[in-house]
PDB file of N, CA and C in Angstrom:
ATOM      1  N   UNK A   1      29.803 -53.552 -95.831  1.00  0.00           N
ATOM      2  CA  UNK A   1      28.928 -52.156 -95.483  1.00  0.00           C
ATOM      3  C   UNK A   1      27.852 -52.724 -95.234  1.00  0.00           C
ATOM      4  N   UNK A   2      26.519 -52.112 -93.797  1.00  0.00           N
ATOM      5  CA  UNK A   2      25.555 -52.204 -94.248  1.00  0.00           C
ATOM      6  C   UNK A   2      23.987 -52.598 -94.799  1.00  0.00           C
ATOM      7  N   UNK A   3      23.153 -53.347 -94.778  1.00  0.00           N
ATOM      8  CA  UNK A   3      22.436 -53.025 -96.046  1.00  0.00           C
ATOM      9  C   UNK A   3      21.679 -51.855 -96.088  1.00  0.00           C
ATOM     10  N   UNK A   4      21.198 -51.057 -95.045  1.00  0.00           N
ATOM     11  CA  UNK A   4      20.505 -50.460 -94.421  1.00  0.00           C
ATOM     12  C   UNK A   4      21.282 -48.823 -94.244  1.00  0.00           C
ATOM     13  N   UNK A   5      22.050 -48.943 -94.778  1.00  0.00           N
ATOM     14  CA  UNK A   5      22.907 -47.801 -94.934  1.00  0.00           C
ATOM     15  C   UNK A   5      23.578 -47.366 -96.464  1.00  0.00           C
ATOM     16  N   UNK A   6      23.509 -45.550 -96.754  1.00  0.00           N
ATOM     17  CA  UNK A   6      23.767 -45.294 -97.977  1.00  0.00           C
ATOM     18  C   UNK A   6      25.329 -45.108 -98.389  1.00  0.00           C
ATOM     19  N   UNK A   7      26.335 -45.620 -99.179  1.00  0.00           N
ATOM     20  CA  UNK A   7      27.960 -45.253 -99.374  1.00  0.00           C
ATOM     21  C   UNK A   7      27.743 -44.411 -98.868  1.00  0.00           C
ATOM     22  N   UNK A   8      27.479 -43.329 -98.963  1.00  0.00           N
ATOM     23  CA  UNK A   8      27.840 -41.430 -98.549  1.00  0.00           C
ATOM     24  C   UNK A   8      27.683 -41.927 -97.165  1.00  0.00           C
ATOM     25  N   UNK A   9      26.418 -42.393 -96.580  1.00  0.00           N
ATOM     26  CA  UNK A   9      26.657 -42.759 -94.717  1.00  0.00           C
ATOM     27  C   UNK A   9      27.017 -43.568 -94.832  1.00  0.00           C
ATOM     28  N   UNK A  10      27.710 -44.667 -94.304  1.00  0.00           N
ATOM     29  CA  UNK A  10      29.215 -45.956 -94.013  1.00  0.00           C
ATOM     30  C   UNK A  10      29.951 -44.560 -94.741  1.00  0.00           C
ATOM     31  N   UNK A  11      30.717 -43.631 -95.889  1.00  0.00           N
ATOM     32  CA  UNK A  11      31.973 -42.649 -95.983  1.00  0.00           C
ATOM     33  C   UNK A  11      31.703 -41.989 -93.933  1.00  0.00           C
ATOM     34  N   UNK A  12      31.651 -41.349 -94.054  1.00  0.00           N
ATOM     35  CA  UNK A  12      31.086 -40.077 -93.088  1.00  0.00           C
ATOM     36  C   UNK A  12      30.846 -41.055 -91.873  1.00  0.00           C
ATOM     37  N   UNK A  13      30.484 -41.794 -91.944  1.00  0.00           N
ATOM     38  CA  UNK A  13      30.197 -42.960 -90.703  1.00  0.00           C
ATOM     39  C   UNK A  13      32.023 -43.262 -90.615  1.00  0.00           C
ATOM     40  N   UNK A  14      32.994 -44.101 -91.398  1.00  0.00           N
ATOM     41  CA  UNK A  14      33.827 -44.298 -91.583  1.00  0.00           C
ATOM     42  C   UNK A  14      35.028 -43.299 -91.273  1.00  0.00           C
ATOM     43  N   UNK A  15      35.116 -42.279 -91.509  1.00  0.00           N
ATOM     44  CA  UNK A  15      35.586 -40.738 -91.500  1.00  0.00           C
ATOM     45  C   UNK A  15      35.221 -40.587 -89.682  1.00  0.00           C
ATOM     46  N   UNK A  16      34.503 -40.294 -89.271  1.00  0.00           N
ATOM     47  CA  UNK A  16      34.632 -40.398 -87.551  1.00  0.00           C
ATOM     48  C   UNK A  16      34.773 -41.107 -87.017  1.00  0.00           C
ATOM     49  N   UNK A  17      34.872 -42.158 -87.420  1.00  0.00           N
ATOM     50  CA  UNK A  17      35.434 -43.442 -86.666  1.00  0.00           C
ATOM     51  C   UNK A  17      36.973 -43.182 -86.329  1.00  0.00           C
ATOM     52  N   UNK A  18      37.247 -42.799 -87.847  1.00  0.00           N
ATOM     53  CA  UNK A  18      38.993 -43.217 -88.154  1.00  0.00           C
ATOM     54  C   UNK A  18      39.620 -42.131 -87.273  1.00  0.00           C
ATOM     55  N   UNK A  19      38.589 -41.256 -86.810  1.00  0.00           N
ATOM     56  CA  UNK A  19      38.852 -39.786 -87.196  1.00  0.00           C
ATOM     57  C   UNK A  19      38.873 -39.895 -84.993  1.00  0.00           C
ATOM     58  N   UNK A  20      38.570 -40.539 -84.019  1.00  0.00           N
ATOM     59  CA  UNK A  20      38.021 -41.115 -82.592  1.00  0.00           C
ATOM     60  C   UNK A  20      40.140 -41.703 -82.087  1.00  0.00           C
ATOM     61  N   UNK A  21      39.974 -40.897 -81.509  1.00  0.00           N
ATOM     62  CA  UNK A  21      41.321 -41.172 -80.599  1.00  0.00           C
ATOM     63  C   UNK A  21      40.788 -42.791 -80.178  1.00  0.00           C
ATOM     64  N   UNK A  22      42.544 -42.983 -79.830  1.00  0.00           N
ATOM     65  CA  UNK A  22      41.513 -44.226 -79.514  1.00  0.00           C
ATOM     66  C   UNK A  22      41.140 -44.697 -77.749  1.00  0.00           C
ATOM     67  N   UNK A  23      41.071 -43.975 -76.813  1.00  0.00           N
ATOM     68  CA  UNK A  23      40.503 -43.932 -75.783  1.00  0.00           C
ATOM     69  C   UNK A  23      39.122 -44.044 -76.609  1.00  0.00           C
ATOM     70  N   UNK A  24      38.992 -42.632 -76.976  1.00  0.00           N
ATOM     71  CA  UNK A  24      37.604 -42.219 -77.468  1.00  0.00           C
ATOM     72  C   UNK A  24      37.116 -43.695 -77.879  1.00  0.00           C
ATOM     73  N   UNK A  25      37.329 -44.423 -78.967  1.00  0.00           N
ATOM     74  CA  UNK A  25      36.657 -45.960 -79.278  1.00  0.00           C
ATOM     75  C   UNK A  25      36.577 -46.788 -78.635  1.00  0.00           C
ATOM     76  N   UNK A  26      37.519 -46.819 -77.539  1.00  0.00           N
ATOM     77  CA  UNK A  26      37.317 -47.488 -75.989  1.00  0.00           C
ATOM     78  C   UNK A  26      35.903 -47.328 -74.913  1.00  0.00           C
ATOM     79  N   UNK A  27      36.248 -45.945 -75.215  1.00  0.00           N
ATOM     80  CA  UNK A  27      35.022 -45.532 -74.133  1.00  0.00           C
ATOM     81  C   UNK A  27      33.162 -45.453 -74.902  1.00  0.00           C
ATOM     82  N   UNK A  28      33.647 -45.504 -75.850  1.00  0.00           N
ATOM     83  CA  UNK A  28      32.281 -45.855 -77.186  1.00  0.00           C
ATOM     84  C   UNK A  28      32.035 -46.777 -76.865  1.00  0.00           C
ATOM     85  N   UNK A  29      32.958 -48.303 -76.766  1.00  0.00           N
ATOM     86  CA  UNK A  29      32.809 -49.943 -76.629  1.00  0.00           C
ATOM     87  C   UNK A  29      32.066 -49.982 -75.665  1.00  0.00           C
ATOM     88  N   UNK A  30      32.615 -49.283 -74.525  1.00  0.00           N
ATOM     89  CA  UNK A  30      32.564 -50.005 -72.866  1.00  0.00           C
ATOM     90  C   UNK A  30      30.708 -49.329 -72.882  1.00  0.00           C
ATOM     91  N   UNK A  31      30.218 -47.603 -73.896  1.00  0.00           N
ATOM     92  CA  UNK A  31      28.864 -47.694 -73.322  1.00  0.00           C
ATOM     93  C   UNK A  31      28.108 -48.465 -74.251  1.00  0.00           C
ATOM     94  N   UNK A  32      28.516 -49.380 -75.807  1.00  0.00           N
ATOM     95  CA  UNK A  32      27.952 -50.095 -76.470  1.00  0.00           C
ATOM     96  C   UNK A  32      27.338 -51.338 -75.448  1.00  0.00           C
ATOM     97  N   UNK A  33      27.999 -51.616 -75.114  1.00  0.00           N
ATOM     98  CA  UNK A  33      28.438 -53.034 -73.640  1.00  0.00           C
ATOM     99  C   UNK A  33      27.548 -52.642 -73.223  1.00  0.00           C
ATOM    100  N   UNK A  34      27.728 -51.952 -71.963  1.00  0.00           N
ATOM    101  CA  UNK A  34      26.499 -51.387 -71.204  1.00  0.00           C
ATOM    102  C   UNK A  34      25.384 -51.210 -71.478  1.00  0.00           C
ATOM    103  N   UNK A  35      24.892 -50.032 -72.729  1.00  0.00           N
ATOM    104  CA  UNK A  35      23.769 -49.937 -72.738  1.00  0.00           C
ATOM    105  C   UNK A  35      23.081 -51.716 -73.339  1.00  0.00           C
ATOM    106  N   UNK A  36      23.701 -52.399 -74.135  1.00  0.00           N
ATOM    107  CA  UNK A  36      23.575 -53.933 -74.286  1.00  0.00           C
ATOM    108  C   UNK A  36      23.172 -54.498 -73.580  1.00  0.00           C
ATOM    109  N   UNK A  37      23.127 -54.481 -72.026  1.00  0.00           N
ATOM    110  CA  UNK A  37      23.175 -54.783 -70.237  1.00  0.00           C
ATOM    111  C   UNK A  37      21.910 -55.071 -70.369  1.00  0.00           C
ATOM    112  N   UNK A  38      21.989 -53.474 -70.661  1.00  0.00           N
ATOM    113  CA  UNK A  38      20.742 -52.542 -69.749  1.00  0.00           C
ATOM    114  C   UNK A  38      19.359 -53.155 -70.638  1.00  0.00           C
ATOM    115  N   UNK A  39      19.554 -53.718 -72.255  1.00  0.00           N
ATOM    116  CA  UNK A  39      18.456 -54.057 -72.985  1.00  0.00           C
ATOM    117  C   UNK A  39      18.356 -54.837 -72.245  1.00  0.00           C
ATOM    118  N   UNK A  40      19.556 -56.448 -71.823  1.00  0.00           N
ATOM    119  CA  UNK A  40      18.644 -57.802 -71.303  1.00  0.00           C
ATOM    120  C   UNK A  40      18.592 -57.408 -70.394  1.00  0.00           C
ATOM    121  N   UNK A  41      18.694 -56.807 -69.799  1.00  0.00           N
ATOM    122  CA  UNK A  41      18.488 -56.894 -67.943  1.00  0.00           C
ATOM    123  C   UNK A  41      16.538 -56.402 -68.241  1.00  0.00           C
ATOM    124  N   UNK A  42      16.178 -55.722 -69.622  1.00  0.00           N
ATOM    125  CA  UNK A  42      15.012 -54.412 -69.400  1.00  0.00           C
ATOM    126  C   UNK A  42      14.032 -56.120 -69.901  1.00  0.00           C
ATOM    127  N   UNK A  43      14.680 -56.917 -70.874  1.00  0.00           N
ATOM    128  CA  UNK A  43      14.171 -58.001 -71.538  1.00  0.00           C
ATOM    129  C   UNK A  43      14.222 -59.195 -70.281  1.00  0.00           C
ATOM    130  N   UNK A  44      14.772 -59.097 -68.928  1.00  0.00           N
ATOM    131  CA  UNK A  44      14.237 -59.950 -68.384  1.00  0.00           C
ATOM    132  C   UNK A  44      13.044 -59.627 -67.663  1.00  0.00           C
ATOM    133  N   UNK A  45      13.355 -58.285 -67.247  1.00  0.00           N
ATOM    134  CA  UNK A  45      11.946 -57.538 -66.155  1.00  0.00           C
ATOM    135  C   UNK A  45      10.887 -57.702 -67.016  1.00  0.00           C
ATOM    136  N   UNK A  46      10.530 -57.292 -68.260  1.00  0.00           N
ATOM    137  CA  UNK A  46       9.911 -57.232 -68.973  1.00  0.00           C
ATOM    138  C   UNK A  46       8.875 -59.083 -69.155  1.00  0.00           C
ATOM    139  N   UNK A  47       9.529 -60.184 -69.283  1.00  0.00           N
ATOM    140  CA  UNK A  47       9.242 -61.933 -68.950  1.00  0.00           C
ATOM    141  C   UNK A  47       9.008 -62.051 -68.036  1.00  0.00           C
ATOM    142  N   UNK A  48       9.647 -61.649 -66.670  1.00  0.00           N
ATOM    143  CA  UNK A  48       9.594 -61.722 -65.007  1.00  0.00           C
ATOM    144  C   UNK A  48       9.400 -60.182 -63.954  1.00  0.00           C
ATOM    145  N   UNK A  49       8.072 -59.846 -64.579  1.00  0.00           N
ATOM    146  CA  UNK A  49       7.451 -58.953 -63.326  1.00  0.00           C
ATOM    147  C   UNK A  49       7.864 -59.167 -61.849  1.00  0.00           C
ATOM    148  N   UNK A  50       8.138 -60.084 -61.321  1.00  0.00           N
ATOM    149  CA  UNK A  50       8.578 -60.384 -60.374  1.00  0.00           C
ATOM    150  C   UNK A  50       9.585 -60.868 -59.838  1.00  0.00           C
ATOM    151  N   UNK A  51      10.235 -60.664 -60.886  1.00  0.00           N
ATOM    152  CA  UNK A  51      12.141 -60.720 -59.826  1.00  0.00           C
ATOM    153  C   UNK A  51      12.626 -59.632 -59.562  1.00  0.00           C
ATOM    154  N   UNK A  52      13.063 -60.278 -58.483  1.00  0.00           N
ATOM    155  CA  UNK A  52      13.529 -58.853 -57.773  1.00  0.00           C
ATOM    156  C   UNK A  52      14.573 -57.401 -58.536  1.00  0.00           C
ATOM    157  N   UNK A  53      15.196 -56.236 -58.247  1.00  0.00           N
ATOM    158  CA  UNK A  53      16.653 -56.211 -58.743  1.00  0.00           C
ATOM    159  C   UNK A  53      17.752 -57.122 -58.546  1.00  0.00           C
ATOM    160  N   UNK A  54      17.906 -57.975 -57.939  1.00  0.00           N
ATOM    161  CA  UNK A  54      18.732 -58.843 -57.730  1.00  0.00           C
ATOM    162  C   UNK A  54      18.445 -60.095 -58.952  1.00  0.00           C
ATOM    163  N   UNK A  55      17.304 -60.746 -59.167  1.00  0.00           N
ATOM    164  CA  UNK A  55      17.466 -61.533 -59.313  1.00  0.00           C
ATOM    165  C   UNK A  55      17.802 -60.728 -61.214  1.00  0.00           C
ATOM    166  N   UNK A  56      17.288 -59.753 -61.299  1.00  0.00           N
ATOM    167  CA  UNK A  56      17.159 -59.606 -62.720  1.00  0.00           C
ATOM    168  C   UNK A  56      18.767 -59.340 -63.228  1.00  0.00           C
ATOM    169  N   UNK A  57      19.479 -58.625 -62.396  1.00  0.00           N
ATOM    170  CA  UNK A  57      21.072 -58.739 -62.891  1.00  0.00           C
ATOM    171  C   UNK A  57      21.498 -60.066 -62.747  1.00  0.00           C
ATOM    172  N   UNK A  58      21.167 -61.088 -61.988  1.00  0.00           N
ATOM    173  CA  UNK A  58      21.601 -61.865 -61.867  1.00  0.00           C
ATOM    174  C   UNK A  58      21.338 -62.591 -63.314  1.00  0.00           C
ATOM    175  N   UNK A  59      19.986 -63.129 -63.633  1.00  0.00           N
ATOM    176  CA  UNK A  59      19.082 -63.484 -65.107  1.00  0.00           C
ATOM    177  C   UNK A  59      20.518 -62.779 -65.803  1.00  0.00           C
ATOM    178  N   UNK A  60      20.010 -61.957 -66.145  1.00  0.00           N
ATOM    179  CA  UNK A  60      21.363 -60.740 -66.887  1.00  0.00           C
ATOM    180  C   UNK A  60      22.874 -61.442 -67.528  1.00  0.00           C
ATOM    181  N   UNK A  61      23.090 -61.672 -66.133  1.00  0.00           N
ATOM    182  CA  UNK A  61      24.904 -61.881 -66.348  1.00  0.00           C
ATOM    183  C   UNK A  61      24.607 -64.036 -66.948  1.00  0.00           C
ATOM    184  N   UNK A  62      23.537 -64.313 -66.018  1.00  0.00           N
ATOM    185  CA  UNK A  62      24.142 -65.192 -66.805  1.00  0.00           C
ATOM    186  C   UNK A  62      23.034 -65.855 -68.422  1.00  0.00           C
ATOM    187  N   UNK A  63      22.685 -65.160 -69.117  1.00  0.00           N
ATOM    188  CA  UNK A  63      22.610 -64.765 -70.150  1.00  0.00           C
ATOM    189  C   UNK A  63      23.803 -64.044 -70.626  1.00  0.00           C
ATOM    190  N   UNK A  64      24.484 -63.685 -70.548  1.00  0.00           N
ATOM    191  CA  UNK A  64      25.968 -62.833 -71.221  1.00  0.00           C
ATOM    192  C   UNK A  64      26.714 -63.838 -70.690  1.00  0.00           C
ATOM    193  N   UNK A  65      26.932 -64.470 -69.650  1.00  0.00           N
ATOM    194  CA  UNK A  65      28.933 -65.666 -69.095  1.00  0.00           C
ATOM    195  C   UNK A  65      27.590 -66.934 -69.445  1.00  0.00           C
ATOM    196  N   UNK A  66      26.563 -66.948 -69.513  1.00  0.00           N
ATOM    197  CA  UNK A  66      26.564 -69.064 -69.648  1.00  0.00           C
ATOM    198  C   UNK A  66      26.148 -69.388 -68.270  1.00  0.00           C
ATOM    199  N   UNK A  67      25.456 -70.174 -68.108  1.00  0.00           N
ATOM    200  CA  UNK A  67      24.791 -70.851 -67.098  1.00  0.00           C
ATOM    201  C   UNK A  67      26.321 -71.435 -66.352  1.00  0.00           C
ATOM    202  N   UNK A  68      27.381 -72.288 -66.966  1.00  0.00           N
ATOM    203  CA  UNK A  68      28.522 -72.579 -66.201  1.00  0.00           C
ATOM    204  C   UNK A  68      29.584 -71.799 -65.847  1.00  0.00           C
ATOM    205  N   UNK A  69      29.920 -70.617 -66.341  1.00  0.00           N
ATOM    206  CA  UNK A  69      31.148 -69.577 -65.813  1.00  0.00           C
ATOM    207  C   UNK A  69      30.322 -68.686 -64.699  1.00  0.00           C
ATOM    208  N   UNK A  70      28.939 -69.014 -65.262  1.00  0.00           N
ATOM    209  CA  UNK A  70      28.047 -68.258 -63.234  1.00  0.00           C
ATOM    210  C   UNK A  70      28.012 -68.868 -63.065  1.00  0.00           C
ATOM    211  N   UNK A  71      28.266 -69.761 -62.198  1.00  0.00           N
ATOM    212  CA  UNK A  71      27.750 -69.848 -61.320  1.00  0.00           C
ATOM    213  C   UNK A  71      29.780 -70.935 -61.025  1.00  0.00           C
ATOM    214  N   UNK A  72      29.559 -70.762 -61.549  1.00  0.00           N
ATOM    215  CA  UNK A  72      32.058 -70.578 -61.044  1.00  0.00           C
ATOM    216  C   UNK A  72      31.917 -69.716 -60.910  1.00  0.00           C
ATOM    217  N   UNK A  73      31.469 -68.337 -61.238  1.00  0.00           N
ATOM    218  CA  UNK A  73      31.913 -66.981 -60.801  1.00  0.00           C
ATOM    219  C   UNK A  73      30.926 -66.649 -59.357  1.00  0.00           C
ATOM    220  N   UNK A  74      29.991 -67.404 -59.673  1.00  0.00           N
ATOM    221  CA  UNK A  74      28.985 -67.042 -58.383  1.00  0.00           C
ATOM    222  C   UNK A  74      28.044 -68.326 -57.644  1.00  0.00           C
ATOM    223  N   UNK A  75      28.916 -68.686 -56.664  1.00  0.00           N
ATOM    224  CA  UNK A  75      28.551 -70.372 -56.484  1.00  0.00           C
ATOM    225  C   UNK A  75      27.224 -70.173 -55.777  1.00  0.00           C
ATOM    226  N   UNK A  76      27.090 -69.113 -54.444  1.00  0.00           N
ATOM    227  CA  UNK A  76      26.253 -68.807 -53.478  1.00  0.00           C
ATOM    228  C   UNK A  76      25.277 -68.077 -54.375  1.00  0.00           C
ATOM    229  N   UNK A  77      24.660 -67.606 -55.545  1.00  0.00           N
ATOM    230  CA  UNK A  77      23.439 -67.318 -55.995  1.00  0.00           C
ATOM    231  C   UNK A  77      22.357 -68.979 -56.308  1.00  0.00           C
ATOM    232  N   UNK A  78      21.770 -68.784 -55.598  1.00  0.00           N
ATOM    233  CA  UNK A  78      20.316 -69.916 -56.098  1.00  0.00           C
ATOM    234  C   UNK A  78      19.986 -69.878 -57.838  1.00  0.00           C
ATOM    235  N   UNK A  79      19.850 -70.966 -58.027  1.00  0.00           N
ATOM    236  CA  UNK A  79      18.523 -70.749 -58.978  1.00  0.00           C
ATOM    237  C   UNK A  79      17.494 -69.804 -59.009  1.00  0.00           C
ATOM    238  N   UNK A  80      17.355 -68.936 -60.551  1.00  0.00           N
ATOM    239  CA  UNK A  80      16.331 -67.966 -60.006  1.00  0.00           C
ATOM    240  C   UNK A  80      14.806 -68.770 -60.188  1.00  0.00           C
ATOM    241  N   UNK A  81      13.599 -68.300 -59.815  1.00  0.00           N
ATOM    242  CA  UNK A  81      12.782 -68.644 -59.715  1.00  0.00           C
ATOM    243  C   UNK A  81      11.721 -68.890 -61.302  1.00  0.00           C
ATOM    244  N   UNK A  82      10.750 -69.647 -60.948  1.00  0.00           N
ATOM    245  CA  UNK A  82      10.198 -69.793 -62.827  1.00  0.00           C
ATOM    246  C   UNK A  82       9.376 -68.222 -63.220  1.00  0.00           C
TER     247      UNK A  82
END
């Protein structure tokens, strides 16, 4: 149980989650993943306002995948400017 959630709120959350179909759960997980990626992009933009949209996307992907996997998946993408 979360430390900032009452037992009643947790029970309600669990009931709603259990009532969802598997497709609804997958859709929710995909939406949460997309939201997390957009938040990562926003963080990159805040730290590097001079980056282009492609550079922001690449930097966020580097954070998500790690440098080694990113380089293997996108060998033609050069390192990002500082």
